[in-house]
Amino acid sequence: MARVVGLVGLCLLAPSLGIRKSRARVESNSTLEVVSARQADCNGLTDIVIDGRDFTQAARIICNLWPESAGEFPINDVNRVRELIRKAMGPGGTWELIKEIRENHNGKPFCWRNESLRTVVSSNCEMESNDVCYGNCAYGYKPASLTGRFRPVCSSVCGATDFPVSCGFGCSSTRFQCALTLLNQVSTIAQGVGRVVEFVSGDDRIVRVVDGVLTFSEFLIGVLPSLIDAVKQGIDIVTDNESGAMALILLFKYIQEVAPEIGETVESIKEAFEELAELIGSLVQERINTGSISVGSVVREILENGDRILDYSVKLTKAFSFAKCAVNTRNVAFTVEEVGEEAFSGPYVQTGMKNSHPYYHQQLNTGVAVEYRSTGWAMSSVGYLYNSVRYQSSEAGYDYPLGGWSGSSSSVETPTPEVVEVRPRLTGP
């Protein structure tokens, strides 16, 4: 899948390789006059208090930062704004739907992998990036399969978390739940940004940028479209032209209200929204006009704005983000991250010895084993009378092998197992 994702990302970015790392704003006298006129109109949005909530600041900020590409701000009439918000706050209105979106999204059995950077070494490079020599990933981590500037990043293995099924840049409870997430699109965005990114200076920023790209993409692709739909569903009098502005006003107010729950302040959310309102507004309009938000548009917005927006995006989208995976090794020795026959995917624990070698079974399924047989190491389905070998390794050694795996016959599904150490392999009894 990584190859396909990389190729798609490269195709999406073909016209964007020369994009600037930040927008250059050139303001002529006529532009300043338009801005001043807009500010005067926006300042007319006053006393918007509905059900004890003051939406005045939210309406003014969205009005002032409304993207030029979307035309004039569509609801300058304060009475119309009040009417729309009153509908949104009523029974079955958009406010209740936003709460449901957050609960449904954050309640999924999924988490983002943790990222770390390979250790910088002076010799025996495992890989080089930007003329820096790197060693291996730490135990419990594997290469993140990212390209470009993100190549030195390692991701935690799912077998060492509460969600043991490998799911792209995240981990899930089951293969079915993994299929329900938007990992392909988010992966494409991360691959695309990594191929052409120029704004990351210093290794200490790489992991933070990867985190920011993943969580911001998750919000823009997986949450924002649902919020736009919630406006149309929860405000039956709203027009298409007004729906984008209402989505941003309600989103801003909602995130400000839950700010203490996510470790932010009202002011930090206001600052983040001021930085991101134009970007998000442009994508909202794309969704309204075309019916979707394209992966290519998200990549371009991130590249045009640079990493400065990613710190703000983490603050702003935290209320709607999947959690980071919590480490829970529970005596896990290794994990199988990718394998054709999904029954073999997941964490493995040692349960004694067999043929003078450690014997392992899958933590979630004792009917799947990694064992040493007369012909060498094998992954087997455990039966009542005998074990059926599905994969076998050409590597010899006292403990389980990392590589050399192949199917036991042509009927066994590919790819062959990707085995990742969670604790150091044993060298002898």
Protein backbone atom coordinates (compact mmCIF):
# COMPACT_ATOMS: atom_id res chain seq x y z
CA MET A 1 0.00 0.00 0.00
CA ALA A 2 2.87 2.39 0.79
CA ARG A 3 4.03 2.37 -2.84
CA VAL A 4 0.57 3.15 -4.14
CA VAL A 5 0.13 5.93 -1.60
CA GLY A 6 3.50 7.43 -2.49
CA LEU A 7 2.76 7.41 -6.22
CA VAL A 8 -0.65 8.99 -5.71
CA GLY A 9 0.88 11.68 -3.50
CA LEU A 10 3.52 12.46 -6.09
CA CYS A 11 0.93 12.75 -8.86
CA LEU A 12 -1.17 15.06 -6.74
CA LEU A 13 1.79 17.31 -6.11
CA ALA A 14 3.21 17.41 -9.62
CA PRO A 15 1.97 20.98 -10.24
CA SER A 16 2.83 22.07 -6.70
CA LEU A 17 6.53 21.29 -6.32
CA GLY A 18 7.49 24.93 -6.51
CA ILE A 19 4.95 26.14 -3.97
CA ARG A 20 6.13 28.81 -1.55
CA LYS A 21 6.38 27.88 2.09
CA SER A 22 4.17 30.80 3.14
CA ARG A 23 1.67 33.02 1.46
CA ALA A 24 3.00 36.38 0.33
CA ARG A 25 0.38 39.06 0.83
CA VAL A 26 0.66 42.15 -1.33
CA GLU A 27 -1.76 44.85 -0.25
CA SER A 28 -2.54 47.69 -2.63
CA ASN A 29 -4.51 50.78 -1.70
CA SER A 30 -7.64 49.29 -3.24
CA THR A 31 -7.15 46.09 -1.21
CA LEU A 32 -6.83 48.09 2.00
CA GLU A 33 -10.03 49.95 1.16
CA VAL A 34 -11.88 46.66 0.68
CA VAL A 35 -10.49 45.33 3.99
CA SER A 36 -11.53 48.52 5.82
CA ALA A 37 -15.02 48.29 4.34
CA ARG A 38 -15.29 44.65 5.38
CA GLN A 39 -14.18 45.49 8.94
CA ALA A 40 -16.86 48.16 9.12
CA ASP A 41 -19.48 45.64 8.01
CA CYS A 42 -18.21 43.00 10.42
CA ASN A 43 -18.22 45.42 13.35
CA GLY A 44 -21.96 45.74 12.78
CA LEU A 45 -22.36 42.15 14.03
CA THR A 46 -23.15 42.97 17.68
CA ASP A 47 -25.11 41.54 20.61
CA ILE A 48 -25.46 38.05 19.15
CA VAL A 49 -26.46 36.30 22.38
CA ILE A 50 -28.49 33.12 22.01
CA ASP A 51 -29.47 30.89 24.96
CA GLY A 52 -26.95 32.66 27.16
CA ARG A 53 -24.06 32.14 24.73
CA ASP A 54 -22.40 35.15 23.16
CA PHE A 55 -21.55 34.47 19.50
CA THR A 56 -20.50 38.06 18.73
CA GLN A 57 -16.73 37.41 18.77
CA ALA A 58 -17.09 34.24 16.69
CA ALA A 59 -19.20 35.99 14.04
CA ARG A 60 -16.83 38.98 13.79
CA ILE A 61 -13.68 36.86 13.52
CA ILE A 62 -15.13 34.64 10.78
CA CYS A 63 -16.47 37.71 8.97
CA ASN A 64 -13.11 39.52 9.06
CA LEU A 65 -11.14 36.43 7.99
CA TRP A 66 -13.57 35.21 5.34
CA PRO A 67 -11.45 34.00 2.36
CA GLU A 68 -11.43 36.36 -0.62
CA SER A 69 -11.83 33.39 -2.95
CA ALA A 70 -15.29 32.81 -1.42
CA GLY A 71 -16.51 36.33 -2.24
CA GLU A 72 -18.30 38.65 0.15
CA PHE A 73 -19.15 37.42 3.64
CA PRO A 74 -22.66 36.01 3.07
CA ILE A 75 -24.47 37.06 6.29
CA ASN A 76 -23.71 40.69 7.19
CA ASP A 77 -27.25 41.21 8.54
CA VAL A 78 -27.02 40.73 12.32
CA ASN A 79 -30.67 39.76 12.56
CA ARG A 80 -30.14 36.99 10.02
CA VAL A 81 -27.12 35.73 12.00
CA ARG A 82 -29.22 35.61 15.17
CA GLU A 83 -32.01 33.79 13.35
CA LEU A 84 -29.64 31.12 12.01
CA ILE A 85 -27.86 30.59 15.34
CA ARG A 86 -31.19 30.36 17.18
CA LYS A 87 -32.16 27.52 14.83
CA ALA A 88 -28.78 25.86 15.33
CA MET A 89 -29.17 25.92 19.12
CA GLY A 90 -32.68 24.43 19.11
CA PRO A 91 -33.66 20.78 19.64
CA GLY A 92 -32.03 18.60 16.99
CA GLY A 93 -30.07 21.60 15.78
CA THR A 94 -26.48 21.85 14.62
CA TRP A 95 -25.10 22.37 18.14
CA GLU A 96 -26.38 18.97 19.26
CA LEU A 97 -25.13 17.39 16.03
CA ILE A 98 -21.61 18.78 16.59
CA LYS A 99 -21.56 17.11 20.00
CA GLU A 100 -22.61 13.82 18.39
CA ILE A 101 -19.92 14.12 15.72
CA ARG A 102 -17.27 14.54 18.39
CA GLU A 103 -18.54 11.60 20.46
CA ASN A 104 -18.84 9.28 17.45
CA HIS A 105 -15.44 10.23 16.02
CA ASN A 106 -13.45 10.11 19.25
CA GLY A 107 -15.23 6.96 20.42
CA LYS A 108 -13.89 4.79 17.59
CA PRO A 109 -11.50 1.99 18.67
CA PHE A 110 -8.53 3.62 16.96
CA CYS A 111 -5.42 5.55 17.98
CA TRP A 112 -2.52 7.27 16.22
CA ARG A 113 0.86 5.58 16.50
CA ASN A 114 3.56 7.38 18.46
CA GLU A 115 6.47 8.70 16.44
CA SER A 116 10.13 8.98 17.34
CA LEU A 117 13.32 9.72 15.45
CA ARG A 118 16.09 7.26 14.71
CA THR A 119 19.22 7.79 16.77
CA VAL A 120 21.91 9.91 15.09
CA VAL A 121 25.14 7.88 14.80
CA SER A 122 28.62 8.70 13.56
CA SER A 123 29.17 5.50 11.56
CA ASN A 124 27.48 2.30 10.35
CA CYS A 125 24.51 4.23 9.03
CA GLU A 126 21.28 2.30 8.74
CA MET A 127 20.04 5.20 6.59
CA GLU A 128 21.04 8.75 5.65
CA SER A 129 18.80 11.80 5.30
CA ASN A 130 19.89 15.39 4.66
CA ASP A 131 23.53 14.28 5.09
CA VAL A 132 22.77 12.97 8.61
CA CYS A 133 23.68 9.38 9.57
CA TYR A 134 20.94 7.47 11.45
CA GLY A 135 20.88 4.12 13.25
CA ASN A 136 17.99 1.71 13.77
CA CYS A 137 14.56 2.41 15.23
CA ALA A 138 14.22 1.71 18.96
CA TYR A 139 12.66 -1.54 20.20
CA GLY A 140 8.90 -1.40 19.80
CA TYR A 141 9.22 0.97 16.81
CA LYS A 142 9.47 0.37 13.09
CA PRO A 143 10.29 2.62 10.08
CA ALA A 144 7.27 4.80 9.35
CA SER A 145 7.46 4.24 5.55
CA LEU A 146 7.53 7.99 4.97
CA THR A 147 9.54 9.68 2.26
CA GLY A 148 11.66 12.79 1.82
CA ARG A 149 12.37 14.83 4.93
CA PHE A 150 10.29 12.44 7.05
CA ARG A 151 12.37 9.32 6.29
CA PRO A 152 14.10 9.17 9.73
CA VAL A 153 10.75 8.89 11.55
CA CYS A 154 9.87 5.63 13.33
CA SER A 155 6.36 4.59 14.42
CA SER A 156 5.38 2.53 17.45
CA VAL A 157 4.13 -0.99 16.71
CA CYS A 158 0.49 -1.75 17.38
CA GLY A 159 1.25 -4.91 19.32
CA ALA A 160 2.55 -2.72 22.15
CA THR A 161 -0.73 -0.75 22.45
CA ASP A 162 -4.33 -1.29 23.52
CA PHE A 163 -5.30 -1.54 19.81
CA PRO A 164 -3.23 -4.40 18.40
CA VAL A 165 -4.25 -4.37 14.72
CA SER A 166 -1.92 -2.48 12.36
CA CYS A 167 -3.84 0.24 10.51
CA GLY A 168 -1.57 2.51 8.44
CA PHE A 169 -0.29 5.35 10.63
CA GLY A 170 -2.59 4.18 13.42
CA CYS A 171 -3.77 1.11 15.30
CA SER A 172 -7.26 -0.35 15.58
CA SER A 173 -9.12 -3.03 17.49
CA THR A 174 -10.14 -4.99 14.38
CA ARG A 175 -9.53 -5.06 10.64
CA PHE A 176 -13.14 -4.02 10.12
CA GLN A 177 -12.68 -0.86 12.19
CA CYS A 178 -9.48 -0.08 10.31
CA ALA A 179 -11.36 -0.19 7.01
CA LEU A 180 -13.82 2.39 8.34
CA THR A 181 -11.17 5.04 8.92
CA LEU A 182 -9.74 7.48 6.37
CA LEU A 183 -6.19 6.18 6.63
CA ASN A 184 -5.56 5.96 2.88
CA GLN A 185 -6.31 9.65 2.37
CA VAL A 186 -4.40 10.76 5.48
CA SER A 187 -1.44 8.59 4.44
CA THR A 188 -1.44 10.16 0.98
CA ILE A 189 -1.31 13.64 2.52
CA ALA A 190 1.60 12.71 4.81
CA GLN A 191 3.51 11.11 1.92
CA GLY A 192 2.88 14.10 -0.32
CA VAL A 193 4.02 16.67 2.23
CA GLY A 194 7.10 14.58 3.07
CA ARG A 195 8.22 14.42 -0.57
CA VAL A 196 8.47 18.16 -1.14
CA VAL A 197 8.51 19.75 2.32
CA GLU A 198 11.23 22.35 2.77
CA PHE A 199 10.06 24.19 5.87
CA VAL A 200 11.33 21.76 8.55
CA SER A 201 14.60 22.97 10.02
CA GLY A 202 16.23 20.69 12.58
CA ASP A 203 15.55 17.09 13.54
CA ASP A 204 13.70 18.17 16.67
CA ARG A 205 10.87 19.51 14.48
CA ILE A 206 10.40 16.48 12.22
CA VAL A 207 8.30 14.38 14.60
CA ARG A 208 6.15 17.39 15.57
CA VAL A 209 5.48 18.18 11.92
CA VAL A 210 4.47 14.56 11.19
CA ASP A 211 2.08 14.63 14.17
CA GLY A 212 0.65 17.94 12.99
CA VAL A 213 0.14 16.78 9.40
CA LEU A 214 -1.66 13.59 10.50
CA THR A 215 -4.03 15.20 13.01
CA PHE A 216 -4.82 18.23 10.82
CA SER A 217 -5.51 15.97 7.83
CA GLU A 218 -7.71 13.75 9.99
CA PHE A 219 -9.81 16.79 10.91
CA LEU A 220 -10.02 18.30 7.43
CA ILE A 221 -10.87 15.04 5.65
CA GLY A 222 -12.70 13.10 8.37
CA VAL A 223 -14.51 15.70 10.50
CA LEU A 224 -14.99 18.97 8.61
CA PRO A 225 -17.33 17.51 5.93
CA SER A 226 -19.58 16.12 8.69
CA LEU A 227 -19.69 19.54 10.35
CA ILE A 228 -20.80 21.16 7.09
CA ASP A 229 -23.53 18.53 6.68
CA ALA A 230 -24.60 19.16 10.29
CA VAL A 231 -25.20 22.83 9.48
CA LYS A 232 -27.51 21.98 6.60
CA GLN A 233 -29.29 19.30 8.63
CA GLY A 234 -29.60 21.30 11.85
CA ILE A 235 -30.55 24.69 10.34
CA ASP A 236 -33.39 24.05 7.93
CA ILE A 237 -33.54 27.70 6.79
CA VAL A 238 -29.85 28.08 5.92
CA THR A 239 -28.86 28.61 2.27
CA ASP A 240 -25.85 26.99 0.61
CA ASN A 241 -24.23 30.40 0.47
CA GLU A 242 -24.61 30.85 4.23
CA SER A 243 -23.74 27.33 5.34
CA GLY A 244 -19.96 27.70 5.15
CA ALA A 245 -19.92 30.80 7.36
CA MET A 246 -22.27 29.19 9.87
CA ALA A 247 -20.10 26.06 10.02
CA LEU A 248 -17.08 28.16 11.01
CA ILE A 249 -18.95 30.34 13.51
CA LEU A 250 -20.44 27.34 15.33
CA LEU A 251 -17.18 25.38 15.19
CA PHE A 252 -15.24 28.29 16.68
CA LYS A 253 -17.72 28.76 19.52
CA TYR A 254 -17.93 25.03 20.27
CA ILE A 255 -14.16 24.55 20.46
CA GLN A 256 -13.86 27.61 22.71
CA GLU A 257 -16.41 26.10 25.09
CA VAL A 258 -14.62 22.75 25.36
CA ALA A 259 -11.14 24.35 25.50
CA PRO A 260 -10.60 23.55 29.23
CA GLU A 261 -11.36 19.85 28.56
CA ILE A 262 -8.54 19.64 26.01
CA GLY A 263 -5.96 21.67 27.95
CA GLU A 264 -6.42 24.90 26.01
CA THR A 265 -7.72 28.36 26.87
CA VAL A 266 -10.33 30.55 25.23
CA GLU A 267 -7.53 32.87 24.06
CA SER A 268 -5.38 30.08 22.61
CA ILE A 269 -8.35 28.83 20.57
CA LYS A 270 -9.07 32.38 19.38
CA GLU A 271 -5.44 32.81 18.31
CA ALA A 272 -5.45 29.47 16.47
CA PHE A 273 -8.71 30.25 14.69
CA GLU A 274 -7.39 33.65 13.56
CA GLU A 275 -4.45 31.85 11.96
CA LEU A 276 -6.48 29.06 10.34
CA ALA A 277 -9.90 30.54 9.54
CA GLU A 278 -8.99 31.53 5.97
CA LEU A 279 -7.46 28.13 5.19
CA ILE A 280 -10.38 26.18 6.66
CA GLY A 281 -12.86 28.57 5.06
CA SER A 282 -11.41 27.87 1.61
CA LEU A 283 -11.78 24.12 2.11
CA VAL A 284 -15.32 24.56 3.45
CA GLN A 285 -16.23 26.40 0.26
CA GLU A 286 -14.63 23.65 -1.83
CA ARG A 287 -16.80 21.07 -0.03
CA ILE A 288 -19.95 23.14 -0.62
CA ASN A 289 -19.14 23.83 -4.29
CA THR A 290 -17.82 20.40 -5.31
CA GLY A 291 -19.22 17.99 -2.73
CA SER A 292 -15.83 16.99 -1.33
CA ILE A 293 -12.49 18.23 0.00
CA SER A 294 -9.70 16.90 -2.19
CA VAL A 295 -6.51 15.42 -0.77
CA GLY A 296 -4.53 17.60 -3.18
CA SER A 297 -6.09 20.77 -1.75
CA VAL A 298 -5.13 19.79 1.79
CA VAL A 299 -1.54 19.08 0.74
CA ARG A 300 -1.27 22.41 -1.07
CA GLU A 301 -2.67 24.37 1.87
CA ILE A 302 -0.15 22.80 4.27
CA LEU A 303 2.76 23.45 1.91
CA GLU A 304 1.72 27.03 1.19
CA ASN A 305 1.39 27.93 4.85
CA GLY A 306 4.38 26.06 6.27
CA ASP A 307 4.83 24.42 9.65
CA ARG A 308 3.70 27.51 11.58
CA ILE A 309 0.07 26.50 10.99
CA LEU A 310 0.58 22.97 12.28
CA ASP A 311 1.15 24.05 15.88
CA TYR A 312 -2.08 26.04 15.71
CA SER A 313 -3.92 23.20 13.99
CA VAL A 314 -3.09 20.76 16.80
CA LYS A 315 -4.67 23.17 19.31
CA LEU A 316 -7.72 23.81 17.18
CA THR A 317 -8.50 20.23 16.20
CA LYS A 318 -7.62 18.52 19.49
CA ALA A 319 -11.30 18.20 20.44
CA PHE A 320 -11.93 16.05 17.36
CA SER A 321 -8.67 14.08 17.18
CA PHE A 322 -8.03 10.41 17.76
CA ALA A 323 -5.87 9.84 20.82
CA LYS A 324 -2.25 8.78 20.70
CA CYS A 325 -1.77 5.06 21.31
CA ALA A 326 -1.04 4.20 24.93
CA VAL A 327 1.86 1.79 25.34
CA ASN A 328 0.76 -1.52 26.88
CA THR A 329 3.37 -4.20 26.24
CA ARG A 330 1.92 -6.90 28.55
CA ASN A 331 4.95 -9.16 28.00
CA VAL A 332 4.75 -8.79 24.22
CA ALA A 333 7.90 -10.15 22.55
CA PHE A 334 7.19 -9.06 18.98
CA THR A 335 4.36 -8.07 16.69
CA VAL A 336 3.40 -8.96 13.13
CA GLU A 337 2.44 -5.66 11.51
CA GLU A 338 1.64 -6.59 7.91
CA VAL A 339 0.77 -10.06 6.63
CA GLY A 340 -1.41 -11.53 3.91
CA GLU A 341 -3.39 -13.83 6.19
CA GLU A 342 -4.84 -11.41 8.72
CA ALA A 343 -5.22 -14.02 11.46
CA PHE A 344 -1.46 -13.81 12.00
CA SER A 345 -1.43 -10.02 12.50
CA GLY A 346 -0.94 -8.72 16.05
CA PRO A 347 1.19 -9.12 19.18
CA TYR A 348 2.83 -12.37 20.32
CA VAL A 349 3.80 -13.55 23.80
CA GLN A 350 6.04 -16.42 24.87
CA THR A 351 4.26 -19.40 26.46
CA GLY A 352 7.01 -21.86 27.18
CA MET A 353 9.41 -23.83 24.97
CA LYS A 354 9.11 -26.24 22.04
CA ASN A 355 11.93 -28.22 20.42
CA SER A 356 14.38 -26.36 22.72
CA HIS A 357 13.32 -22.96 21.34
CA PRO A 358 10.89 -20.32 22.66
CA TYR A 359 7.27 -20.96 21.68
CA TYR A 360 4.94 -18.00 20.99
CA HIS A 361 1.25 -17.61 20.42
CA GLN A 362 -0.71 -14.57 19.41
CA GLN A 363 -1.87 -12.62 22.43
CA LEU A 364 -5.43 -12.39 21.18
CA ASN A 365 -5.65 -15.86 19.66
CA THR A 366 -3.92 -18.95 21.09
CA GLY A 367 -4.79 -20.78 17.88
CA VAL A 368 -2.01 -18.93 16.04
CA ALA A 369 1.63 -19.70 16.88
CA VAL A 370 5.22 -18.94 15.95
CA GLU A 371 7.19 -22.08 16.66
CA TYR A 372 10.44 -23.87 15.88
CA ARG A 373 9.87 -27.10 13.96
CA SER A 374 12.20 -29.72 12.52
CA THR A 375 12.39 -27.67 9.33
CA GLY A 376 12.94 -24.33 11.12
CA TRP A 377 10.80 -21.41 12.26
CA ALA A 378 7.16 -21.31 11.15
CA MET A 379 3.90 -19.45 11.65
CA SER A 380 1.21 -22.06 12.19
CA SER A 381 -2.49 -22.47 12.77
CA VAL A 382 -2.80 -24.62 15.89
CA GLY A 383 -4.97 -27.72 15.47
CA TYR A 384 -6.14 -30.53 17.77
CA LEU A 385 -3.95 -33.16 16.12
CA TYR A 386 -1.28 -31.13 14.36
CA ASN A 387 -0.34 -27.55 13.48
CA SER A 388 -0.76 -26.32 9.90
CA VAL A 389 2.21 -24.27 8.69
CA ARG A 390 1.26 -21.15 6.73
CA TYR A 391 4.55 -19.20 6.65
CA GLN A 392 8.11 -20.39 7.17
CA SER A 393 11.45 -18.60 7.54
CA SER A 394 14.80 -19.42 5.98
CA GLU A 395 16.61 -17.69 8.88
CA ALA A 396 18.01 -19.91 11.60
CA GLY A 397 18.56 -18.88 15.20
CA TYR A 398 17.59 -19.57 18.79
CA ASP A 399 14.76 -17.01 18.90
CA TYR A 400 12.08 -15.97 16.39
CA PRO A 401 13.38 -14.55 13.06
CA LEU A 402 12.65 -11.09 11.71
CA GLY A 403 13.04 -11.92 8.03
CA GLY A 404 13.33 -14.72 5.51
CA TRP A 405 9.59 -15.40 5.60
CA SER A 406 7.71 -16.97 2.71
CA GLY A 407 4.41 -18.73 2.19
CA SER A 408 4.37 -22.47 2.74
CA SER A 409 2.56 -22.89 -0.59
CA SER A 410 1.32 -20.80 -3.51
CA SER A 411 -2.15 -20.62 -1.95
CA VAL A 412 -0.93 -18.63 1.06
CA GLU A 413 -1.82 -14.94 0.78
CA THR A 414 0.82 -12.24 0.44
CA PRO A 415 2.48 -10.06 1.67
CA THR A 416 4.78 -12.17 3.80
CA PRO A 417 4.95 -11.29 7.52
CA GLU A 418 6.61 -8.09 8.70
CA VAL A 419 7.95 -8.97 12.17
CA VAL A 420 8.97 -6.13 14.52
CA GLU A 421 10.84 -6.57 17.83
CA VAL A 422 9.15 -5.22 20.94
CA ARG A 423 11.82 -6.60 23.27
CA PRO A 424 15.34 -7.80 22.33
CA ARG A 425 15.47 -11.31 20.89
CA LEU A 426 16.94 -14.04 23.05
CA THR A 427 20.36 -15.41 22.17
CA GLY A 428 20.10 -18.67 24.08
CA PRO A 429 18.38 -20.49 26.95
